[in-house]
Amino acid sequence: MSDSDLISLYSGRILELAADIPHTGRLAAAQGSARKRSPVCGSTVTVDLNLRDGRVAEFAQDVKACALGQASASIMGGALLGRSRAEVEAARDALKAMLTEAGPVPAAPFEGYEVLLPARDYRNRHASILLALEAAAEAFALAEKG
């Protein structure tokens, strides 16, 4: 990876997002909780959430990831409240397609993932970027099961 590639991948905006992750911590009494780990780099994201009327009413996330995984968690953290399971799963699937199949950026309110477009070329970073939405989708499914 050249210096210019690194500069593109770790842009100022990505580093700003990584430094300001919303809803950090854990919920004391979560309806659903899921932990995802990247086998490539060891990054982990745990998402706890509670639902009301089939939508995310509150959540917290514990993020131990690289800057790209942190930026992804930050983007998700700004968009997750009020989302349905279908919206969370659609965002997860769109992000994966954006990274692996040159698909479009996820739809609003997850359009902030556009900042991670340069990561398409770095397959070894994809797992870390996907962790937050994967954990949120799994936590949502568990919360629905009760």
N, C-alpha and C. Protein backbone atom coordinates (compact mmCIF):
# COMPACT_ATOMS: atom_id res chain seq x y z
N MET A 1 0.85 -1.17 0.00
CA MET A 1 0.00 0.00 0.00
C MET A 1 0.90 1.24 0.00
N SER A 2 0.72 2.12 -0.96
CA SER A 2 1.54 3.32 -1.05
C SER A 2 1.07 4.36 -0.05
N ASP A 3 1.90 5.38 0.15
CA ASP A 3 1.52 6.46 1.07
C ASP A 3 0.25 7.16 0.61
N SER A 4 0.09 7.38 -0.70
CA SER A 4 -1.11 8.06 -1.19
C SER A 4 -2.35 7.19 -0.99
N ASP A 5 -2.18 5.86 -1.11
CA ASP A 5 -3.30 4.96 -0.84
C ASP A 5 -3.74 5.06 0.62
N LEU A 6 -2.76 5.10 1.52
CA LEU A 6 -3.09 5.21 2.94
C LEU A 6 -3.79 6.53 3.25
N ILE A 7 -3.33 7.60 2.64
CA ILE A 7 -3.95 8.91 2.86
C ILE A 7 -5.39 8.88 2.38
N SER A 8 -5.64 8.27 1.25
CA SER A 8 -7.00 8.17 0.73
C SER A 8 -7.88 7.32 1.64
N LEU A 9 -7.33 6.20 2.11
CA LEU A 9 -8.10 5.29 2.93
C LEU A 9 -8.39 5.88 4.31
N TYR A 10 -7.41 6.52 4.90
CA TYR A 10 -7.58 7.09 6.24
C TYR A 10 -7.72 8.61 6.14
N SER A 11 -8.75 9.04 5.47
CA SER A 11 -9.00 10.47 5.29
C SER A 11 -9.29 11.13 6.63
N GLY A 12 -9.21 12.43 6.62
CA GLY A 12 -9.52 13.19 7.83
C GLY A 12 -10.92 12.91 8.33
N ARG A 13 -11.88 12.78 7.43
CA ARG A 13 -13.26 12.53 7.84
C ARG A 13 -13.39 11.17 8.52
N ILE A 14 -12.71 10.16 8.01
CA ILE A 14 -12.75 8.84 8.64
C ILE A 14 -12.17 8.92 10.04
N LEU A 15 -11.08 9.64 10.20
CA LEU A 15 -10.47 9.76 11.52
C LEU A 15 -11.35 10.56 12.47
N GLU A 16 -12.06 11.57 11.97
CA GLU A 16 -13.01 12.33 12.80
C GLU A 16 -14.13 11.42 13.28
N LEU A 17 -14.67 10.63 12.38
CA LEU A 17 -15.74 9.70 12.75
C LEU A 17 -15.25 8.70 13.80
N ALA A 18 -14.06 8.18 13.60
CA ALA A 18 -13.50 7.19 14.52
C ALA A 18 -13.31 7.77 15.92
N ALA A 19 -13.05 9.05 16.00
CA ALA A 19 -12.82 9.70 17.28
C ALA A 19 -14.10 10.12 17.99
N ASP A 20 -15.24 10.02 17.32
CA ASP A 20 -16.50 10.51 17.89
C ASP A 20 -17.64 9.52 17.65
N ILE A 21 -17.53 8.36 18.28
CA ILE A 21 -18.53 7.30 18.11
C ILE A 21 -19.70 7.55 19.06
N PRO A 22 -20.91 7.70 18.53
CA PRO A 22 -22.06 7.90 19.42
C PRO A 22 -22.55 6.61 20.06
N HIS A 23 -23.20 6.78 21.20
CA HIS A 23 -23.86 5.67 21.91
C HIS A 23 -22.87 4.58 22.33
N THR A 24 -21.72 4.99 22.85
CA THR A 24 -20.75 3.99 23.31
C THR A 24 -21.12 3.47 24.69
N GLY A 25 -20.71 2.28 24.97
CA GLY A 25 -20.96 1.64 26.25
C GLY A 25 -21.84 0.42 26.08
N ARG A 26 -22.53 0.07 27.13
CA ARG A 26 -23.42 -1.10 27.13
C ARG A 26 -24.74 -0.70 27.79
N LEU A 27 -25.82 -1.37 27.40
CA LEU A 27 -27.11 -1.18 28.06
C LEU A 27 -27.21 -2.18 29.22
N ALA A 28 -27.74 -1.72 30.32
CA ALA A 28 -27.85 -2.58 31.51
C ALA A 28 -28.84 -3.72 31.28
N ALA A 29 -29.92 -3.45 30.57
CA ALA A 29 -30.96 -4.47 30.37
C ALA A 29 -31.40 -4.47 28.91
N ALA A 30 -30.56 -5.01 28.06
CA ALA A 30 -30.84 -5.04 26.63
C ALA A 30 -31.78 -6.18 26.27
N GLN A 31 -32.69 -5.90 25.35
CA GLN A 31 -33.56 -6.95 24.82
C GLN A 31 -32.78 -7.85 23.86
N GLY A 32 -31.81 -7.28 23.18
CA GLY A 32 -30.98 -8.03 22.25
C GLY A 32 -29.54 -7.55 22.33
N SER A 33 -28.62 -8.47 22.26
CA SER A 33 -27.20 -8.14 22.32
C SER A 33 -26.44 -9.10 21.42
N ALA A 34 -25.51 -8.56 20.65
CA ALA A 34 -24.70 -9.40 19.77
C ALA A 34 -23.28 -8.84 19.69
N ARG A 35 -22.33 -9.75 19.66
CA ARG A 35 -20.91 -9.39 19.52
C ARG A 35 -20.40 -10.01 18.23
N LYS A 36 -19.75 -9.19 17.42
CA LYS A 36 -19.15 -9.67 16.18
C LYS A 36 -17.66 -9.38 16.23
N ARG A 37 -16.88 -10.32 15.68
CA ARG A 37 -15.43 -10.20 15.67
C ARG A 37 -14.91 -10.49 14.27
N SER A 38 -13.97 -9.68 13.83
CA SER A 38 -13.31 -9.91 12.55
C SER A 38 -12.16 -10.89 12.75
N PRO A 39 -12.18 -12.03 12.06
CA PRO A 39 -11.08 -12.98 12.20
C PRO A 39 -9.78 -12.46 11.57
N VAL A 40 -9.90 -11.50 10.68
CA VAL A 40 -8.72 -10.97 9.99
C VAL A 40 -7.87 -10.10 10.90
N CYS A 41 -8.52 -9.20 11.64
CA CYS A 41 -7.76 -8.22 12.43
C CYS A 41 -8.06 -8.27 13.92
N GLY A 42 -9.08 -9.02 14.33
CA GLY A 42 -9.42 -9.11 15.73
C GLY A 42 -10.33 -8.00 16.24
N SER A 43 -10.75 -7.09 15.37
CA SER A 43 -11.68 -6.04 15.78
C SER A 43 -12.97 -6.66 16.29
N THR A 44 -13.59 -6.03 17.30
CA THR A 44 -14.87 -6.49 17.81
C THR A 44 -15.82 -5.32 18.00
N VAL A 45 -17.09 -5.61 17.79
CA VAL A 45 -18.16 -4.66 18.07
C VAL A 45 -19.28 -5.43 18.75
N THR A 46 -19.73 -4.90 19.89
CA THR A 46 -20.88 -5.46 20.59
C THR A 46 -21.99 -4.41 20.55
N VAL A 47 -23.18 -4.83 20.15
CA VAL A 47 -24.33 -3.93 20.10
C VAL A 47 -25.41 -4.47 21.03
N ASP A 48 -25.90 -3.59 21.91
CA ASP A 48 -27.04 -3.88 22.76
C ASP A 48 -28.16 -2.98 22.29
N LEU A 49 -29.38 -3.50 22.23
CA LEU A 49 -30.49 -2.62 21.85
C LEU A 49 -31.80 -3.04 22.47
N ASN A 50 -32.68 -2.05 22.54
CA ASN A 50 -34.05 -2.24 22.99
C ASN A 50 -34.97 -1.71 21.91
N LEU A 51 -36.10 -2.39 21.75
CA LEU A 51 -37.07 -2.05 20.72
C LEU A 51 -38.34 -1.47 21.33
N ARG A 52 -38.99 -0.66 20.55
CA ARG A 52 -40.33 -0.19 20.86
C ARG A 52 -41.08 -0.12 19.55
N ASP A 53 -42.21 -0.82 19.48
CA ASP A 53 -43.03 -0.83 18.27
C ASP A 53 -42.24 -1.26 17.04
N GLY A 54 -41.34 -2.24 17.21
CA GLY A 54 -40.59 -2.79 16.09
C GLY A 54 -39.46 -1.93 15.57
N ARG A 55 -39.06 -0.94 16.37
CA ARG A 55 -37.98 -0.03 15.96
C ARG A 55 -36.98 0.12 17.10
N VAL A 56 -35.75 0.49 16.76
CA VAL A 56 -34.71 0.67 17.78
C VAL A 56 -35.07 1.90 18.62
N ALA A 57 -35.32 1.66 19.91
CA ALA A 57 -35.66 2.74 20.83
C ALA A 57 -34.43 3.26 21.56
N GLU A 58 -33.50 2.37 21.86
CA GLU A 58 -32.23 2.76 22.47
C GLU A 58 -31.20 1.69 22.16
N PHE A 59 -29.95 2.11 22.12
CA PHE A 59 -28.89 1.15 21.88
C PHE A 59 -27.58 1.70 22.41
N ALA A 60 -26.65 0.78 22.58
CA ALA A 60 -25.28 1.14 22.94
C ALA A 60 -24.36 0.20 22.19
N GLN A 61 -23.14 0.66 22.00
CA GLN A 61 -22.17 -0.18 21.29
C GLN A 61 -20.80 -0.07 21.96
N ASP A 62 -20.16 -1.22 22.07
CA ASP A 62 -18.81 -1.30 22.60
C ASP A 62 -17.92 -1.64 21.41
N VAL A 63 -17.06 -0.71 21.03
CA VAL A 63 -16.29 -0.82 19.80
C VAL A 63 -14.80 -0.91 20.12
N LYS A 64 -14.20 -2.01 19.72
CA LYS A 64 -12.76 -2.20 19.84
C LYS A 64 -12.28 -2.61 18.44
N ALA A 65 -12.02 -1.60 17.64
CA ALA A 65 -11.74 -1.85 16.22
C ALA A 65 -10.72 -0.84 15.70
N CYS A 66 -10.26 -1.11 14.50
CA CYS A 66 -9.38 -0.19 13.79
C CYS A 66 -10.16 1.07 13.43
N ALA A 67 -9.46 2.04 12.88
CA ALA A 67 -10.11 3.32 12.54
C ALA A 67 -11.28 3.13 11.58
N LEU A 68 -11.16 2.21 10.63
CA LEU A 68 -12.26 2.00 9.68
C LEU A 68 -13.46 1.36 10.37
N GLY A 69 -13.22 0.41 11.25
CA GLY A 69 -14.31 -0.19 12.01
C GLY A 69 -14.96 0.83 12.95
N GLN A 70 -14.15 1.68 13.53
CA GLN A 70 -14.68 2.74 14.39
C GLN A 70 -15.50 3.74 13.60
N ALA A 71 -15.03 4.11 12.43
CA ALA A 71 -15.78 5.04 11.58
C ALA A 71 -17.11 4.43 11.18
N SER A 72 -17.11 3.15 10.86
CA SER A 72 -18.35 2.47 10.50
C SER A 72 -19.32 2.48 11.67
N ALA A 73 -18.84 2.19 12.87
CA ALA A 73 -19.69 2.21 14.06
C ALA A 73 -20.22 3.62 14.32
N SER A 74 -19.42 4.61 14.05
CA SER A 74 -19.85 6.00 14.22
C SER A 74 -20.98 6.35 13.26
N ILE A 75 -20.85 5.95 12.01
CA ILE A 75 -21.89 6.20 11.01
C ILE A 75 -23.18 5.49 11.42
N MET A 76 -23.06 4.23 11.79
CA MET A 76 -24.24 3.48 12.22
C MET A 76 -24.85 4.13 13.45
N GLY A 77 -24.01 4.54 14.39
CA GLY A 77 -24.49 5.13 15.63
C GLY A 77 -25.33 6.38 15.42
N GLY A 78 -25.04 7.10 14.36
CA GLY A 78 -25.81 8.29 14.05
C GLY A 78 -27.11 8.01 13.32
N ALA A 79 -27.31 6.78 12.90
CA ALA A 79 -28.48 6.45 12.07
C ALA A 79 -29.39 5.38 12.64
N LEU A 80 -28.97 4.66 13.67
CA LEU A 80 -29.69 3.45 14.09
C LEU A 80 -31.00 3.72 14.84
N LEU A 81 -31.05 4.75 15.64
CA LEU A 81 -32.27 5.01 16.41
C LEU A 81 -33.47 5.20 15.49
N GLY A 82 -34.56 4.51 15.82
CA GLY A 82 -35.79 4.62 15.04
C GLY A 82 -35.87 3.70 13.84
N ARG A 83 -34.83 2.92 13.58
CA ARG A 83 -34.82 2.04 12.41
C ARG A 83 -35.53 0.73 12.70
N SER A 84 -36.12 0.16 11.65
CA SER A 84 -36.74 -1.17 11.71
C SER A 84 -35.69 -2.23 11.40
N ARG A 85 -36.05 -3.48 11.65
CA ARG A 85 -35.14 -4.58 11.32
C ARG A 85 -34.86 -4.61 9.83
N ALA A 86 -35.88 -4.41 9.02
CA ALA A 86 -35.69 -4.42 7.56
C ALA A 86 -34.71 -3.33 7.12
N GLU A 87 -34.79 -2.16 7.74
CA GLU A 87 -33.87 -1.07 7.38
C GLU A 87 -32.44 -1.39 7.78
N VAL A 88 -32.27 -1.98 8.95
CA VAL A 88 -30.93 -2.34 9.42
C VAL A 88 -30.33 -3.42 8.52
N GLU A 89 -31.11 -4.43 8.20
CA GLU A 89 -30.61 -5.50 7.34
C GLU A 89 -30.33 -5.00 5.93
N ALA A 90 -31.17 -4.10 5.42
CA ALA A 90 -30.94 -3.52 4.09
C ALA A 90 -29.65 -2.70 4.08
N ALA A 91 -29.40 -1.95 5.15
CA ALA A 91 -28.16 -1.16 5.23
C ALA A 91 -26.94 -2.08 5.28
N ARG A 92 -27.04 -3.15 6.07
CA ARG A 92 -25.94 -4.13 6.16
C ARG A 92 -25.65 -4.73 4.78
N ASP A 93 -26.71 -5.16 4.11
CA ASP A 93 -26.54 -5.80 2.81
C ASP A 93 -26.01 -4.82 1.76
N ALA A 94 -26.50 -3.58 1.82
CA ALA A 94 -26.03 -2.56 0.87
C ALA A 94 -24.57 -2.21 1.11
N LEU A 95 -24.17 -2.13 2.38
CA LEU A 95 -22.77 -1.83 2.69
C LEU A 95 -21.87 -2.95 2.17
N LYS A 96 -22.29 -4.18 2.39
CA LYS A 96 -21.49 -5.31 1.88
C LYS A 96 -21.38 -5.25 0.36
N ALA A 97 -22.50 -4.98 -0.31
CA ALA A 97 -22.48 -4.88 -1.77
C ALA A 97 -21.63 -3.70 -2.23
N MET A 98 -21.69 -2.58 -1.50
CA MET A 98 -20.87 -1.42 -1.85
C MET A 98 -19.39 -1.78 -1.81
N LEU A 99 -19.00 -2.54 -0.80
CA LEU A 99 -17.59 -2.89 -0.64
C LEU A 99 -17.14 -3.99 -1.59
N THR A 100 -17.98 -5.00 -1.79
CA THR A 100 -17.52 -6.19 -2.51
C THR A 100 -17.97 -6.29 -3.95
N GLU A 101 -19.05 -5.57 -4.31
CA GLU A 101 -19.60 -5.69 -5.66
C GLU A 101 -19.71 -4.34 -6.38
N ALA A 102 -19.04 -3.32 -5.84
CA ALA A 102 -19.12 -1.96 -6.39
C ALA A 102 -20.57 -1.48 -6.45
N GLY A 103 -21.37 -1.91 -5.46
CA GLY A 103 -22.76 -1.48 -5.38
C GLY A 103 -22.85 -0.04 -4.92
N PRO A 104 -24.06 0.51 -4.92
CA PRO A 104 -24.24 1.90 -4.50
C PRO A 104 -24.08 2.05 -2.99
N VAL A 105 -23.92 3.26 -2.56
CA VAL A 105 -23.86 3.60 -1.15
C VAL A 105 -25.21 3.26 -0.51
N PRO A 106 -25.23 2.77 0.73
CA PRO A 106 -26.51 2.50 1.39
C PRO A 106 -27.43 3.73 1.38
N ALA A 107 -28.72 3.46 1.36
CA ALA A 107 -29.72 4.53 1.32
C ALA A 107 -29.80 5.26 2.66
N ALA A 108 -30.36 6.46 2.62
CA ALA A 108 -30.56 7.26 3.83
C ALA A 108 -31.37 6.45 4.83
N PRO A 109 -31.05 6.55 6.07
CA PRO A 109 -30.13 7.48 6.72
C PRO A 109 -28.70 6.94 6.87
N PHE A 110 -28.38 5.90 6.13
CA PHE A 110 -27.05 5.29 6.21
C PHE A 110 -26.10 5.76 5.09
N GLU A 111 -26.43 6.83 4.42
CA GLU A 111 -25.62 7.31 3.30
C GLU A 111 -24.23 7.80 3.73
N GLY A 112 -24.02 7.98 5.02
CA GLY A 112 -22.71 8.39 5.51
C GLY A 112 -21.61 7.38 5.21
N TYR A 113 -22.00 6.16 4.88
CA TYR A 113 -21.00 5.15 4.53
C TYR A 113 -20.25 5.49 3.25
N GLU A 114 -20.69 6.50 2.53
CA GLU A 114 -19.99 6.93 1.32
C GLU A 114 -18.52 7.23 1.61
N VAL A 115 -18.23 7.72 2.81
CA VAL A 115 -16.85 8.07 3.17
C VAL A 115 -15.94 6.84 3.13
N LEU A 116 -16.51 5.64 3.20
CA LEU A 116 -15.72 4.42 3.19
C LEU A 116 -15.57 3.80 1.80
N LEU A 117 -16.00 4.50 0.77
CA LEU A 117 -15.83 4.00 -0.60
C LEU A 117 -14.38 3.64 -0.93
N PRO A 118 -13.37 4.41 -0.48
CA PRO A 118 -11.99 4.03 -0.80
C PRO A 118 -11.59 2.66 -0.26
N ALA A 119 -12.32 2.12 0.71
CA ALA A 119 -11.98 0.82 1.28
C ALA A 119 -12.36 -0.35 0.37
N ARG A 120 -13.08 -0.07 -0.70
CA ARG A 120 -13.45 -1.15 -1.64
C ARG A 120 -12.23 -1.95 -2.09
N ASP A 121 -11.14 -1.25 -2.30
CA ASP A 121 -9.94 -1.87 -2.85
C ASP A 121 -9.14 -2.66 -1.81
N TYR A 122 -9.58 -2.64 -0.54
CA TYR A 122 -8.82 -3.27 0.54
C TYR A 122 -9.68 -4.32 1.22
N ARG A 123 -9.75 -5.49 0.59
CA ARG A 123 -10.63 -6.57 1.06
C ARG A 123 -10.36 -6.95 2.51
N ASN A 124 -9.11 -6.82 2.94
CA ASN A 124 -8.77 -7.18 4.32
C ASN A 124 -9.37 -6.22 5.33
N ARG A 125 -9.96 -5.12 4.89
CA ARG A 125 -10.61 -4.16 5.78
C ARG A 125 -12.14 -4.32 5.81
N HIS A 126 -12.69 -5.06 4.88
CA HIS A 126 -14.15 -5.17 4.76
C HIS A 126 -14.80 -5.75 6.01
N ALA A 127 -14.24 -6.79 6.59
CA ALA A 127 -14.86 -7.44 7.75
C ALA A 127 -15.01 -6.45 8.90
N SER A 128 -13.99 -5.66 9.15
CA SER A 128 -14.04 -4.70 10.25
C SER A 128 -15.11 -3.63 9.99
N ILE A 129 -15.24 -3.20 8.76
CA ILE A 129 -16.23 -2.18 8.39
C ILE A 129 -17.65 -2.72 8.57
N LEU A 130 -17.85 -3.99 8.31
CA LEU A 130 -19.19 -4.59 8.38
C LEU A 130 -19.63 -4.95 9.80
N LEU A 131 -18.72 -4.99 10.75
CA LEU A 131 -19.03 -5.49 12.09
C LEU A 131 -20.21 -4.80 12.76
N ALA A 132 -20.25 -3.48 12.75
CA ALA A 132 -21.28 -2.75 13.50
C ALA A 132 -22.68 -3.10 12.99
N LEU A 133 -22.87 -3.05 11.68
CA LEU A 133 -24.20 -3.36 11.15
C LEU A 133 -24.54 -4.84 11.29
N GLU A 134 -23.55 -5.71 11.20
CA GLU A 134 -23.81 -7.14 11.41
C GLU A 134 -24.25 -7.39 12.86
N ALA A 135 -23.57 -6.76 13.81
CA ALA A 135 -23.93 -6.92 15.22
C ALA A 135 -25.31 -6.33 15.49
N ALA A 136 -25.60 -5.18 14.89
CA ALA A 136 -26.92 -4.55 15.09
C ALA A 136 -28.04 -5.42 14.53
N ALA A 137 -27.83 -5.99 13.35
CA ALA A 137 -28.85 -6.84 12.75
C ALA A 137 -29.10 -8.09 13.60
N GLU A 138 -28.02 -8.69 14.11
CA GLU A 138 -28.16 -9.88 14.95
C GLU A 138 -28.83 -9.53 16.28
N ALA A 139 -28.44 -8.41 16.90
CA ALA A 139 -29.06 -7.98 18.15
C ALA A 139 -30.54 -7.72 17.95
N PHE A 140 -30.89 -7.14 16.82
CA PHE A 140 -32.31 -6.85 16.51
C PHE A 140 -33.09 -8.16 16.43
N ALA A 141 -32.56 -9.13 15.72
CA ALA A 141 -33.24 -10.42 15.58
C ALA A 141 -33.42 -11.09 16.95
N LEU A 142 -32.41 -11.02 17.79
CA LEU A 142 -32.50 -11.60 19.13
C LEU A 142 -33.53 -10.86 19.99
N ALA A 143 -33.58 -9.55 19.87
CA ALA A 143 -34.55 -8.76 20.63
C ALA A 143 -35.97 -9.11 20.23
N GLU A 144 -36.19 -9.36 18.96
CA GLU A 144 -37.52 -9.73 18.49
C GLU A 144 -37.96 -11.10 19.01
N LYS A 145 -37.01 -12.00 19.19
CA LYS A 145 -37.32 -13.34 19.70
C LYS A 145 -37.73 -13.28 21.16
N GLY A 146 -37.24 -12.22 21.86
CA GLY A 146 -37.61 -12.02 23.26
C GLY A 146 -36.88 -12.91 24.13
